[in-house]
Amino acid sequence: MNAKLRKLVQQLGEAIHETVSESEHIAGVVQDIRKQGFDVLLMLEATIGLNELEQQPEAMLEQSHGKHEEGPEGKSFSSQDVHFLRSLRIAVQGDERVD
């Protein structure tokens, strides 16, 4: 990973931390738990995955964004959705690929 990308990923982690830290909703729930006599220790783990995009002509890129597969109840999944579901070992109905 190059230095610029590493810095951007670090900034993303900091932005996530900042968002959670400043959340009024989270602070309110923590306060409610404390009122019940408990101290709260909140630890979150974020996994940031990066997939390098292939260099494609613009027309092919537009076509690939429109590519969808049918899921349950007629809902469609993008190729990224299908890839993510496969990574969780979740099969997509009508998907012929076997991992």
Protein backbone atom coordinates (compact mmCIF):
# COMPACT_ATOMS: atom_id res chain seq x y z
CA MET A 1 0.00 0.00 0.00
CA ASN A 2 1.48 3.34 -0.98
CA ALA A 3 1.90 6.19 1.52
CA LYS A 4 -0.95 8.29 0.09
CA LEU A 5 -3.42 5.39 0.26
CA ARG A 6 -2.25 4.51 3.77
CA LYS A 7 -2.89 8.13 4.85
CA LEU A 8 -6.38 8.07 3.29
CA VAL A 9 -7.25 4.82 5.09
CA GLN A 10 -5.98 6.36 8.33
CA GLN A 11 -8.18 9.42 7.70
CA LEU A 12 -11.15 7.12 7.13
CA GLY A 13 -10.50 5.39 10.46
CA GLU A 14 -10.24 8.75 12.21
CA ALA A 15 -13.49 9.92 10.59
CA ILE A 16 -15.29 6.77 11.78
CA HIS A 17 -13.91 7.24 15.31
CA GLU A 18 -14.91 10.90 15.33
CA THR A 19 -18.42 10.12 14.11
CA VAL A 20 -18.97 7.51 16.82
CA SER A 21 -17.42 9.74 19.51
CA GLU A 22 -19.65 12.68 18.61
CA SER A 23 -22.88 10.73 18.17
CA GLU A 24 -25.60 12.16 20.39
CA HIS A 25 -27.57 8.92 20.06
CA ILE A 26 -24.67 6.80 21.31
CA ALA A 27 -23.95 9.27 24.12
CA GLY A 28 -27.62 9.15 25.17
CA VAL A 29 -27.69 5.34 25.31
CA VAL A 30 -24.40 5.27 27.25
CA GLN A 31 -25.88 7.78 29.70
CA ASP A 32 -28.99 5.59 30.12
CA ILE A 33 -26.78 2.57 30.87
CA ARG A 34 -24.84 4.59 33.46
CA LYS A 35 -28.12 5.60 35.11
CA GLN A 36 -28.76 1.87 35.58
CA GLY A 37 -25.53 1.66 37.62
CA PHE A 38 -23.13 0.35 35.00
CA ASP A 39 -19.96 1.81 33.54
CA VAL A 40 -19.58 1.48 29.79
CA LEU A 41 -16.46 0.53 27.89
CA LEU A 42 -17.11 0.72 24.16
CA MET A 43 -14.58 -0.85 21.83
CA LEU A 44 -15.29 -1.07 18.13
CA GLU A 45 -13.26 -2.82 15.48
CA ALA A 46 -13.47 -1.64 11.90
CA THR A 47 -12.20 -3.70 9.03
CA ILE A 48 -11.48 -1.66 5.94
CA GLY A 49 -11.15 -3.71 2.77
CA LEU A 50 -9.78 -2.30 -0.44
CA ASN A 51 -10.18 -3.77 -3.90
CA GLU A 52 -8.12 -2.20 -6.63
CA LEU A 53 -10.32 -1.15 -9.54
CA GLU A 54 -9.27 -2.38 -12.93
CA GLN A 55 -8.47 0.27 -15.49
CA GLN A 56 -11.34 0.08 -17.97
CA PRO A 57 -12.52 2.27 -20.80
CA GLU A 58 -15.26 4.60 -19.57
CA ALA A 59 -18.01 2.89 -21.59
CA MET A 60 -17.15 -0.53 -20.11
CA LEU A 61 -17.07 0.95 -16.61
CA GLU A 62 -20.58 2.38 -17.05
CA GLN A 63 -21.85 -0.98 -18.31
CA SER A 64 -20.32 -2.90 -15.41
CA HIS A 65 -22.00 -0.61 -12.87
CA GLY A 66 -25.34 -1.51 -14.40
CA LYS A 67 -24.74 -5.27 -14.21
CA HIS A 68 -27.00 -6.94 -11.66
CA GLU A 69 -28.02 -10.46 -10.77
CA GLU A 70 -31.45 -11.40 -9.55
CA GLY A 71 -31.70 -12.30 -5.88
CA PRO A 72 -34.55 -13.56 -3.71
CA GLU A 73 -37.96 -12.04 -4.32
CA GLY A 74 -36.78 -10.45 -7.58
CA LYS A 75 -34.36 -8.07 -5.87
CA SER A 76 -31.19 -7.41 -7.82
CA PHE A 77 -27.62 -7.48 -6.57
CA SER A 78 -24.69 -5.66 -8.13
CA SER A 79 -21.56 -7.65 -8.91
CA GLN A 80 -19.99 -6.06 -5.80
CA ASP A 81 -22.95 -7.25 -3.70
CA VAL A 82 -22.54 -10.78 -5.05
CA HIS A 83 -18.78 -10.70 -4.39
CA PHE A 84 -19.40 -9.57 -0.79
CA LEU A 85 -22.04 -12.24 -0.20
CA ARG A 86 -19.71 -14.90 -1.59
CA SER A 87 -16.95 -13.71 0.77
CA LEU A 88 -19.36 -14.48 3.62
CA ARG A 89 -20.06 -17.86 2.00
CA ILE A 90 -23.63 -16.85 1.19
CA ALA A 91 -24.91 -18.26 -2.07
CA VAL A 92 -26.98 -16.12 -4.37
CA GLN A 93 -29.95 -17.88 -5.90
CA GLY A 94 -29.25 -18.60 -9.56
CA ASP A 95 -25.50 -18.20 -9.08
CA GLU A 96 -23.82 -21.10 -10.91
CA ARG A 97 -20.34 -20.49 -9.49
CA VAL A 98 -19.08 -22.93 -6.85
CA ASP A 99 -16.23 -21.76 -4.59
